[in-house]
Amino acid sequence: MRIDVELMKNIFKPSIDNITSLIQSILDSDALVDIAQILLVGGFSECLLIQDAIKTKFPNKKIIVPEEAGLSVLKGAVLFGHRPFYIESRKMKYTYGIELKDHFDSSEHDIKRLVVVDGVEYCDKIFEKLVTINETVPVGSIINRSYSATGTTTETDEFILYINRRGSAIYINHPPFRSM
């Protein structure tokens, strides 16, 4: 079976464009400076179309494709399993936080968020950040926080972990996602 070269390029074009755009957005981030090399790993990195597209899009970068690039991810996972200290930190993909109530302050909080519990005014559904998007967190870090139950009638409280893709949330506007 013979397939026209241009047809094959068009089949792969959306994927290649998405990959090069993602690499560009990563290189444009404020946290990265002076990146001189790009290491391509995984099965798709062995494709000459992707290699050529990345070399064309980033002519000032040295593009490295190791032998058996398709096995690099697997080998890395095995090494990490045996020596997890190889990775020292992680950059947070999202802002993570929890929902809480705090004493209501009209100069700081939205009046729509006002709730009264046991005669005390609280601001409801505040997004309390634990870690922020793009924050570098050392592996094994522990975040210690102390919270008190709201009101005298509350015996237990539930903490739900929320994610925010922008990092600028003040309040929680969506119900939590619960999986069973």
N, C-alpha and C. Protein backbone atom coordinates (compact mmCIF):
# COMPACT_ATOMS: atom_id res chain seq x y z
N MET A 1 0.85 -1.17 0.00
CA MET A 1 0.00 0.00 0.00
C MET A 1 0.90 1.23 0.00
N ARG A 2 0.55 2.20 -0.81
CA ARG A 2 1.32 3.44 -0.89
C ARG A 2 0.44 4.60 -0.46
N ILE A 3 1.00 5.47 0.37
CA ILE A 3 0.27 6.64 0.83
C ILE A 3 1.10 7.87 0.48
N ASP A 4 0.44 8.85 -0.07
CA ASP A 4 1.10 10.10 -0.47
C ASP A 4 1.74 10.76 0.76
N VAL A 5 2.95 11.27 0.60
CA VAL A 5 3.70 11.88 1.70
C VAL A 5 2.92 13.04 2.32
N GLU A 6 2.33 13.88 1.49
CA GLU A 6 1.59 15.04 2.01
C GLU A 6 0.37 14.60 2.82
N LEU A 7 -0.28 13.51 2.41
CA LEU A 7 -1.41 12.99 3.17
C LEU A 7 -0.95 12.54 4.55
N MET A 8 0.18 11.84 4.61
CA MET A 8 0.72 11.39 5.91
C MET A 8 1.07 12.60 6.78
N LYS A 9 1.68 13.61 6.21
CA LYS A 9 2.02 14.81 6.98
C LYS A 9 0.77 15.47 7.54
N ASN A 10 -0.29 15.51 6.74
CA ASN A 10 -1.55 16.11 7.19
C ASN A 10 -2.22 15.30 8.30
N ILE A 11 -2.04 14.00 8.28
CA ILE A 11 -2.60 13.16 9.35
C ILE A 11 -1.94 13.50 10.68
N PHE A 12 -0.62 13.69 10.67
CA PHE A 12 0.13 13.95 11.90
C PHE A 12 0.18 15.43 12.29
N LYS A 13 -0.17 16.32 11.37
CA LYS A 13 -0.03 17.76 11.61
C LYS A 13 -0.71 18.27 12.89
N PRO A 14 -1.97 17.91 13.18
CA PRO A 14 -2.58 18.43 14.42
C PRO A 14 -1.80 18.02 15.68
N SER A 15 -1.36 16.77 15.73
CA SER A 15 -0.61 16.31 16.90
C SER A 15 0.73 17.03 17.01
N ILE A 16 1.41 17.16 15.90
CA ILE A 16 2.71 17.84 15.89
C ILE A 16 2.55 19.30 16.27
N ASP A 17 1.54 19.96 15.73
CA ASP A 17 1.30 21.37 16.08
C ASP A 17 1.01 21.53 17.57
N ASN A 18 0.24 20.62 18.14
CA ASN A 18 -0.05 20.68 19.58
C ASN A 18 1.21 20.48 20.41
N ILE A 19 2.06 19.56 20.00
CA ILE A 19 3.30 19.30 20.74
C ILE A 19 4.23 20.51 20.67
N THR A 20 4.42 21.06 19.48
CA THR A 20 5.32 22.22 19.36
C THR A 20 4.76 23.44 20.10
N SER A 21 3.44 23.60 20.09
CA SER A 21 2.83 24.71 20.85
C SER A 21 3.02 24.53 22.35
N LEU A 22 2.88 23.31 22.82
CA LEU A 22 3.09 23.03 24.24
C LEU A 22 4.54 23.30 24.64
N ILE A 23 5.47 22.84 23.83
CA ILE A 23 6.89 23.10 24.12
C ILE A 23 7.15 24.61 24.15
N GLN A 24 6.58 25.33 23.19
CA GLN A 24 6.76 26.79 23.14
C GLN A 24 6.21 27.45 24.40
N SER A 25 5.02 27.03 24.85
CA SER A 25 4.43 27.63 26.05
C SER A 25 5.28 27.32 27.29
N ILE A 26 5.87 26.15 27.34
CA ILE A 26 6.75 25.81 28.46
C ILE A 26 8.00 26.67 28.42
N LEU A 27 8.58 26.82 27.26
CA LEU A 27 9.81 27.63 27.13
C LEU A 27 9.54 29.11 27.40
N ASP A 28 8.30 29.56 27.16
CA ASP A 28 7.95 30.96 27.40
C ASP A 28 7.67 31.27 28.86
N SER A 29 7.55 30.24 29.71
CA SER A 29 7.20 30.49 31.10
C SER A 29 8.34 31.22 31.81
N ASP A 30 7.96 32.04 32.80
CA ASP A 30 8.93 32.85 33.53
C ASP A 30 9.92 32.02 34.33
N ALA A 31 9.53 30.81 34.70
CA ALA A 31 10.38 29.98 35.56
C ALA A 31 11.58 29.39 34.81
N LEU A 32 11.50 29.36 33.48
CA LEU A 32 12.58 28.77 32.70
C LEU A 32 13.40 29.84 32.00
N VAL A 33 14.70 29.73 32.16
CA VAL A 33 15.61 30.63 31.45
C VAL A 33 16.79 29.82 30.92
N ASP A 34 17.32 30.26 29.83
CA ASP A 34 18.53 29.68 29.25
C ASP A 34 18.42 28.17 28.98
N ILE A 35 17.32 27.73 28.42
CA ILE A 35 17.18 26.33 28.02
C ILE A 35 17.85 26.19 26.66
N ALA A 36 18.89 25.36 26.60
CA ALA A 36 19.66 25.23 25.37
C ALA A 36 19.35 23.92 24.64
N GLN A 37 18.78 22.94 25.35
CA GLN A 37 18.57 21.63 24.76
C GLN A 37 17.15 21.14 25.03
N ILE A 38 16.66 20.35 24.08
CA ILE A 38 15.36 19.70 24.24
C ILE A 38 15.59 18.21 24.05
N LEU A 39 15.20 17.43 25.04
CA LEU A 39 15.36 15.98 25.01
C LEU A 39 14.01 15.36 24.64
N LEU A 40 13.99 14.62 23.54
CA LEU A 40 12.76 13.97 23.09
C LEU A 40 12.78 12.51 23.52
N VAL A 41 11.74 12.10 24.26
CA VAL A 41 11.63 10.71 24.70
C VAL A 41 10.22 10.21 24.41
N GLY A 42 10.05 8.89 24.47
CA GLY A 42 8.76 8.28 24.18
C GLY A 42 8.70 7.84 22.73
N GLY A 43 7.76 6.98 22.45
CA GLY A 43 7.66 6.38 21.12
C GLY A 43 7.49 7.38 19.99
N PHE A 44 6.68 8.41 20.19
CA PHE A 44 6.42 9.37 19.12
C PHE A 44 7.66 10.20 18.79
N SER A 45 8.60 10.30 19.73
CA SER A 45 9.81 11.09 19.48
C SER A 45 10.71 10.43 18.44
N GLU A 46 10.49 9.16 18.16
CA GLU A 46 11.28 8.47 17.13
C GLU A 46 10.78 8.78 15.73
N CYS A 47 9.63 9.43 15.62
CA CYS A 47 9.05 9.79 14.33
C CYS A 47 9.82 10.96 13.72
N LEU A 48 10.31 10.78 12.51
CA LEU A 48 11.09 11.84 11.85
C LEU A 48 10.28 13.10 11.62
N LEU A 49 8.96 12.95 11.43
CA LEU A 49 8.12 14.13 11.23
C LEU A 49 8.14 15.03 12.48
N ILE A 50 8.04 14.42 13.66
CA ILE A 50 8.05 15.22 14.89
C ILE A 50 9.44 15.80 15.12
N GLN A 51 10.47 15.03 14.86
CA GLN A 51 11.83 15.54 15.02
C GLN A 51 12.08 16.74 14.11
N ASP A 52 11.70 16.62 12.84
CA ASP A 52 11.89 17.73 11.90
C ASP A 52 11.09 18.96 12.31
N ALA A 53 9.85 18.76 12.76
CA ALA A 53 9.01 19.90 13.16
C ALA A 53 9.62 20.63 14.35
N ILE A 54 10.13 19.89 15.31
CA ILE A 54 10.72 20.52 16.50
C ILE A 54 12.03 21.21 16.15
N LYS A 55 12.83 20.59 15.29
CA LYS A 55 14.08 21.24 14.86
C LYS A 55 13.79 22.52 14.08
N THR A 56 12.73 22.52 13.28
CA THR A 56 12.35 23.71 12.51
C THR A 56 11.82 24.81 13.42
N LYS A 57 10.96 24.42 14.39
CA LYS A 57 10.34 25.40 15.28
C LYS A 57 11.33 26.00 16.27
N PHE A 58 12.35 25.23 16.67
CA PHE A 58 13.32 25.68 17.67
C PHE A 58 14.74 25.55 17.13
N PRO A 59 15.08 26.36 16.12
CA PRO A 59 16.39 26.22 15.48
C PRO A 59 17.57 26.54 16.40
N ASN A 60 17.35 27.31 17.45
CA ASN A 60 18.44 27.69 18.35
C ASN A 60 18.64 26.70 19.50
N LYS A 61 17.87 25.62 19.51
CA LYS A 61 17.96 24.62 20.56
C LYS A 61 18.60 23.35 20.00
N LYS A 62 19.39 22.70 20.83
CA LYS A 62 19.93 21.41 20.44
C LYS A 62 18.87 20.36 20.75
N ILE A 63 18.47 19.60 19.74
CA ILE A 63 17.44 18.58 19.90
C ILE A 63 18.14 17.23 20.07
N ILE A 64 17.86 16.55 21.17
CA ILE A 64 18.49 15.27 21.47
C ILE A 64 17.43 14.18 21.44
N VAL A 65 17.68 13.14 20.65
CA VAL A 65 16.80 11.97 20.60
C VAL A 65 17.68 10.76 20.94
N PRO A 66 17.57 10.23 22.15
CA PRO A 66 18.42 9.10 22.53
C PRO A 66 18.06 7.83 21.76
N GLU A 67 19.01 6.90 21.72
CA GLU A 67 18.70 5.59 21.15
C GLU A 67 17.60 4.97 22.00
N GLU A 68 16.72 4.25 21.37
CA GLU A 68 15.58 3.63 22.05
C GLU A 68 14.78 4.66 22.84
N ALA A 69 14.50 5.78 22.19
CA ALA A 69 13.74 6.86 22.84
C ALA A 69 12.38 6.37 23.35
N GLY A 70 11.83 5.38 22.67
CA GLY A 70 10.54 4.84 23.09
C GLY A 70 10.60 4.13 24.43
N LEU A 71 11.77 3.64 24.81
CA LEU A 71 11.92 2.96 26.09
C LEU A 71 12.40 3.89 27.20
N SER A 72 12.75 5.13 26.87
CA SER A 72 13.29 6.05 27.86
C SER A 72 12.33 6.31 29.01
N VAL A 73 11.05 6.45 28.71
CA VAL A 73 10.06 6.70 29.75
C VAL A 73 9.97 5.50 30.69
N LEU A 74 9.94 4.31 30.12
CA LEU A 74 9.88 3.09 30.93
C LEU A 74 11.13 2.96 31.79
N LYS A 75 12.30 3.18 31.20
CA LYS A 75 13.55 3.09 31.97
C LYS A 75 13.57 4.13 33.09
N GLY A 76 13.08 5.31 32.82
CA GLY A 76 13.02 6.36 33.85
C GLY A 76 12.10 5.96 34.98
N ALA A 77 10.97 5.34 34.66
CA ALA A 77 10.04 4.90 35.70
C ALA A 77 10.67 3.81 36.57
N VAL A 78 11.40 2.90 35.95
CA VAL A 78 12.07 1.84 36.72
C VAL A 78 13.14 2.44 37.63
N LEU A 79 13.95 3.37 37.08
CA LEU A 79 14.97 4.03 37.91
C LEU A 79 14.33 4.78 39.08
N PHE A 80 13.24 5.48 38.80
CA PHE A 80 12.55 6.22 39.86
C PHE A 80 12.00 5.26 40.92
N GLY A 81 11.52 4.12 40.50
CA GLY A 81 11.01 3.14 41.45
C GLY A 81 12.09 2.63 42.38
N HIS A 82 13.30 2.49 41.85
CA HIS A 82 14.42 2.00 42.66
C HIS A 82 15.10 3.12 43.45
N ARG A 83 15.09 4.31 42.90
CA ARG A 83 15.76 5.44 43.55
C ARG A 83 14.89 6.69 43.44
N PRO A 84 13.84 6.79 44.25
CA PRO A 84 12.90 7.92 44.14
C PRO A 84 13.54 9.28 44.43
N PHE A 85 14.72 9.31 45.05
CA PHE A 85 15.38 10.58 45.34
C PHE A 85 15.98 11.22 44.09
N TYR A 86 15.91 10.53 42.93
CA TYR A 86 16.38 11.14 41.69
C TYR A 86 15.63 12.43 41.37
N ILE A 87 14.37 12.46 41.74
CA ILE A 87 13.57 13.67 41.54
C ILE A 87 13.55 14.42 42.86
N GLU A 88 14.04 15.66 42.83
CA GLU A 88 14.15 16.45 44.06
C GLU A 88 12.93 17.31 44.32
N SER A 89 12.26 17.74 43.27
CA SER A 89 11.10 18.61 43.45
C SER A 89 10.16 18.46 42.26
N ARG A 90 8.98 19.00 42.44
CA ARG A 90 7.99 19.01 41.37
C ARG A 90 7.42 20.41 41.24
N LYS A 91 7.12 20.79 40.02
CA LYS A 91 6.47 22.07 39.77
C LYS A 91 4.98 21.80 39.68
N MET A 92 4.21 22.51 40.48
CA MET A 92 2.77 22.25 40.57
C MET A 92 2.06 22.62 39.27
N LYS A 93 1.27 21.69 38.79
CA LYS A 93 0.50 21.91 37.56
C LYS A 93 -0.71 22.80 37.82
N TYR A 94 -1.25 22.73 39.04
CA TYR A 94 -2.44 23.49 39.41
C TYR A 94 -2.21 24.17 40.76
N THR A 95 -3.12 25.05 41.12
CA THR A 95 -3.19 25.54 42.49
C THR A 95 -4.13 24.61 43.23
N TYR A 96 -3.67 24.11 44.38
CA TYR A 96 -4.48 23.20 45.19
C TYR A 96 -4.90 23.92 46.46
N GLY A 97 -6.12 23.66 46.89
CA GLY A 97 -6.61 24.29 48.11
C GLY A 97 -7.82 23.57 48.66
N ILE A 98 -8.33 24.10 49.76
CA ILE A 98 -9.51 23.54 50.41
C ILE A 98 -10.54 24.65 50.59
N GLU A 99 -11.76 24.24 50.89
CA GLU A 99 -12.85 25.18 51.16
C GLU A 99 -12.93 25.40 52.67
N LEU A 100 -13.10 26.67 53.05
CA LEU A 100 -13.31 26.94 54.47
C LEU A 100 -14.17 28.17 54.67
N LYS A 101 -14.58 28.36 55.92
CA LYS A 101 -15.30 29.56 56.34
C LYS A 101 -14.36 30.36 57.21
N ASP A 102 -14.47 31.70 57.14
CA ASP A 102 -13.66 32.57 57.99
C ASP A 102 -14.57 33.67 58.52
N HIS A 103 -14.16 34.31 59.59
CA HIS A 103 -14.97 35.41 60.13
C HIS A 103 -15.18 36.45 59.03
N PHE A 104 -16.43 36.91 58.91
CA PHE A 104 -16.79 37.82 57.83
C PHE A 104 -16.23 39.21 58.09
N ASP A 105 -15.61 39.78 57.05
CA ASP A 105 -15.08 41.14 57.08
C ASP A 105 -15.65 41.85 55.85
N SER A 106 -16.53 42.80 56.06
CA SER A 106 -17.23 43.45 54.93
C SER A 106 -16.27 44.20 54.01
N SER A 107 -15.11 44.61 54.51
CA SER A 107 -14.16 45.30 53.65
C SER A 107 -13.35 44.32 52.78
N GLU A 108 -13.43 43.04 53.12
CA GLU A 108 -12.63 42.04 52.42
C GLU A 108 -13.47 41.01 51.68
N HIS A 109 -14.65 40.70 52.19
CA HIS A 109 -15.45 39.61 51.65
C HIS A 109 -16.70 40.09 50.92
N ASP A 110 -17.15 39.27 49.99
CA ASP A 110 -18.35 39.52 49.21
C ASP A 110 -19.57 39.26 50.11
N ILE A 111 -20.50 40.21 50.15
CA ILE A 111 -21.69 40.11 51.01
C ILE A 111 -22.53 38.88 50.65
N LYS A 112 -22.46 38.43 49.40
CA LYS A 112 -23.20 37.24 48.98
C LYS A 112 -22.70 35.98 49.68
N ARG A 113 -21.50 36.06 50.22
CA ARG A 113 -20.89 34.90 50.88
C ARG A 113 -21.15 34.86 52.39
N LEU A 114 -21.91 35.83 52.89
CA LEU A 114 -22.19 35.93 54.32
C LEU A 114 -23.13 34.81 54.78
N VAL A 115 -22.70 34.07 55.81
CA VAL A 115 -23.54 33.07 56.47
C VAL A 115 -23.42 33.29 57.97
N VAL A 116 -24.48 32.94 58.70
CA VAL A 116 -24.46 33.08 60.16
C VAL A 116 -24.53 31.68 60.76
N VAL A 117 -23.55 31.37 61.61
CA VAL A 117 -23.50 30.07 62.29
C VAL A 117 -23.43 30.34 63.79
N ASP A 118 -24.42 29.87 64.53
CA ASP A 118 -24.49 30.08 65.98
C ASP A 118 -24.34 31.55 66.35
N GLY A 119 -24.97 32.43 65.54
CA GLY A 119 -24.96 33.85 65.81
C GLY A 119 -23.69 34.58 65.38
N VAL A 120 -22.77 33.89 64.77
CA VAL A 120 -21.51 34.51 64.32
C VAL A 120 -21.51 34.59 62.80
N GLU A 121 -21.09 35.75 62.26
CA GLU A 121 -21.03 35.95 60.82
C GLU A 121 -19.74 35.38 60.24
N TYR A 122 -19.93 34.57 59.19
CA TYR A 122 -18.79 33.95 58.50
C TYR A 122 -18.89 34.23 57.01
N CYS A 123 -17.74 34.21 56.36
CA CYS A 123 -17.70 34.23 54.90
C CYS A 123 -17.58 32.77 54.47
N ASP A 124 -18.49 32.33 53.60
CA ASP A 124 -18.58 30.93 53.20
C ASP A 124 -17.83 30.69 51.89
N LYS A 125 -17.35 29.47 51.73
CA LYS A 125 -16.75 28.97 50.49
C LYS A 125 -15.50 29.75 50.07
N ILE A 126 -14.62 30.03 51.01
CA ILE A 126 -13.32 30.65 50.71
C ILE A 126 -12.38 29.57 50.19
N PHE A 127 -11.63 29.89 49.16
CA PHE A 127 -10.63 28.97 48.62
C PHE A 127 -9.32 29.23 49.34
N GLU A 128 -8.93 28.33 50.22
CA GLU A 128 -7.69 28.44 50.99
C GLU A 128 -6.58 27.71 50.24
N LYS A 129 -5.63 28.46 49.68
CA LYS A 129 -4.56 27.86 48.89
C LYS A 129 -3.60 27.07 49.77
N LEU A 130 -3.23 25.90 49.29
CA LEU A 130 -2.21 25.09 49.94
C LEU A 130 -0.89 25.20 49.17
N VAL A 131 -0.95 25.03 47.86
CA VAL A 131 0.19 25.27 46.97
C VAL A 131 -0.33 25.96 45.72
N THR A 132 0.53 26.72 45.07
CA THR A 132 0.12 27.54 43.93
C THR A 132 0.71 27.00 42.63
N ILE A 133 -0.01 27.21 41.55
CA ILE A 133 0.43 26.80 40.23
C ILE A 133 1.86 27.31 39.98
N ASN A 134 2.69 26.46 39.39
CA ASN A 134 4.09 26.73 39.07
C ASN A 134 5.00 26.83 40.29
N GLU A 135 4.47 26.62 41.47
CA GLU A 135 5.31 26.61 42.68
C GLU A 135 6.15 25.33 42.67
N THR A 136 7.43 25.46 43.02
CA THR A 136 8.30 24.30 43.12
C THR A 136 8.21 23.75 44.53
N VAL A 137 7.85 22.47 44.63
CA VAL A 137 7.65 21.82 45.93
C VAL A 137 8.62 20.65 46.04
N PRO A 138 9.50 20.65 47.05
CA PRO A 138 10.41 19.52 47.22
C PRO A 138 9.64 18.23 47.48
N VAL A 139 10.14 17.12 46.93
CA VAL A 139 9.52 15.82 47.14
C VAL A 139 9.54 15.51 48.64
N GLY A 140 8.44 15.00 49.13
CA GLY A 140 8.34 14.66 50.54
C GLY A 140 7.90 15.81 51.43
N SER A 141 7.59 16.96 50.83
CA SER A 141 7.14 18.11 51.61
C SER A 141 5.84 17.80 52.33
N ILE A 142 5.71 18.35 53.50
CA ILE A 142 4.48 18.20 54.27
C ILE A 142 3.95 19.60 54.55
N ILE A 143 2.67 19.78 54.31
CA ILE A 143 2.02 21.06 54.60
C ILE A 143 1.21 20.86 55.87
N ASN A 144 1.55 21.58 56.92
CA ASN A 144 0.83 21.49 58.18
C ASN A 144 -0.03 22.73 58.36
N ARG A 145 -1.30 22.53 58.58
CA ARG A 145 -2.23 23.61 58.85
C ARG A 145 -3.16 23.17 59.96
N SER A 146 -3.60 24.10 60.78
CA SER A 146 -4.58 23.80 61.82
C SER A 146 -5.85 24.57 61.52
N TYR A 147 -6.98 23.90 61.67
CA TYR A 147 -8.27 24.51 61.44
C TYR A 147 -9.19 24.15 62.59
N SER A 148 -10.14 25.02 62.85
CA SER A 148 -11.14 24.77 63.89
C SER A 148 -12.50 24.64 63.24
N ALA A 149 -13.34 23.81 63.83
CA ALA A 149 -14.70 23.64 63.34
C ALA A 149 -15.46 24.95 63.52
N THR A 150 -16.37 25.24 62.60
CA THR A 150 -17.17 26.45 62.65
C THR A 150 -18.38 26.22 63.54
N GLY A 151 -18.54 27.04 64.58
CA GLY A 151 -19.71 26.95 65.45
C GLY A 151 -19.57 25.86 66.50
N THR A 152 -20.51 25.87 67.41
CA THR A 152 -20.47 24.92 68.53
C THR A 152 -21.20 23.63 68.23
N THR A 153 -22.01 23.63 67.16
CA THR A 153 -22.81 22.43 66.86
C THR A 153 -22.09 21.48 65.91
N THR A 154 -20.95 21.88 65.40
CA THR A 154 -20.22 21.05 64.44
C THR A 154 -19.30 20.08 65.18
N GLU A 155 -19.55 18.79 65.01
CA GLU A 155 -18.71 17.78 65.64
C GLU A 155 -17.57 17.37 64.72
N THR A 156 -17.84 17.30 63.42
CA THR A 156 -16.81 16.92 62.46
C THR A 156 -16.91 17.85 61.26
N ASP A 157 -15.81 17.97 60.59
CA ASP A 157 -15.77 18.74 59.34
C ASP A 157 -15.11 17.89 58.27
N GLU A 158 -15.47 18.16 57.03
CA GLU A 158 -14.93 17.43 55.90
C GLU A 158 -14.04 18.38 55.11
N PHE A 159 -12.87 17.92 54.73
CA PHE A 159 -12.00 18.72 53.88
C PHE A 159 -11.99 18.11 52.49
N ILE A 160 -12.29 18.94 51.51
CA ILE A 160 -12.29 18.51 50.11
C ILE A 160 -11.17 19.28 49.42
N LEU A 161 -10.33 18.56 48.69
CA LEU A 161 -9.24 19.18 47.96
C LEU A 161 -9.77 19.69 46.63
N TYR A 162 -9.51 20.95 46.32
CA TYR A 162 -9.93 21.57 45.06
C TYR A 162 -8.69 21.92 44.25
N ILE A 163 -8.86 21.96 42.92
CA ILE A 163 -7.80 22.44 42.06
C ILE A 163 -8.30 23.66 41.30
N ASN A 164 -7.36 24.52 40.97
CA ASN A 164 -7.67 25.72 40.20
C ASN A 164 -6.59 25.83 39.13
N ARG A 165 -7.00 25.96 37.90
CA ARG A 165 -6.04 25.99 36.79
C ARG A 165 -5.36 27.35 36.62
N ARG A 166 -5.91 28.40 37.25
CA ARG A 166 -5.33 29.74 37.09
C ARG A 166 -4.54 30.19 38.31
N GLY A 167 -4.91 29.73 39.45
CA GLY A 167 -4.17 30.09 40.66
C GLY A 167 -4.65 31.35 41.35
N SER A 168 -5.67 32.00 40.82
CA SER A 168 -6.09 33.29 41.38
C SER A 168 -7.44 33.24 42.08
N ALA A 169 -7.95 32.07 42.39
CA ALA A 169 -9.28 31.95 42.99
C ALA A 169 -9.30 32.49 44.42
N ILE A 170 -10.40 33.14 44.76
CA ILE A 170 -10.63 33.62 46.12
C ILE A 170 -11.73 32.79 46.76
N TYR A 171 -12.75 32.48 45.95
CA TYR A 171 -13.90 31.72 46.44
C TYR A 171 -14.07 30.44 45.61
N ILE A 172 -14.84 29.53 46.15
CA ILE A 172 -15.18 28.29 45.44
C ILE A 172 -16.58 28.48 44.87
N ASN A 173 -16.70 28.34 43.57
CA ASN A 173 -17.96 28.57 42.89
C ASN A 173 -18.60 27.30 42.32
N HIS A 174 -17.88 26.19 42.38
CA HIS A 174 -18.39 24.96 41.78
C HIS A 174 -18.48 23.87 42.84
N PRO A 175 -19.46 22.99 42.70
CA PRO A 175 -19.54 21.88 43.65
C PRO A 175 -18.35 20.96 43.47
N PRO A 176 -17.96 20.25 44.51
CA PRO A 176 -16.80 19.34 44.38
C PRO A 176 -17.13 18.16 43.50
N PHE A 177 -16.10 17.66 42.84
CA PHE A 177 -16.21 16.43 42.05
C PHE A 177 -15.97 15.27 43.01
N ARG A 178 -16.87 14.35 43.02
CA ARG A 178 -16.72 13.18 43.91
C ARG A 178 -16.73 11.93 43.07
N SER A 179 -15.71 11.12 43.23
CA SER A 179 -15.68 9.84 42.52
C SER A 179 -15.84 8.72 43.54
N MET A 180 -16.45 7.67 43.12
CA MET A 180 -16.68 6.54 44.03
C MET A 180 -15.84 5.36 43.58
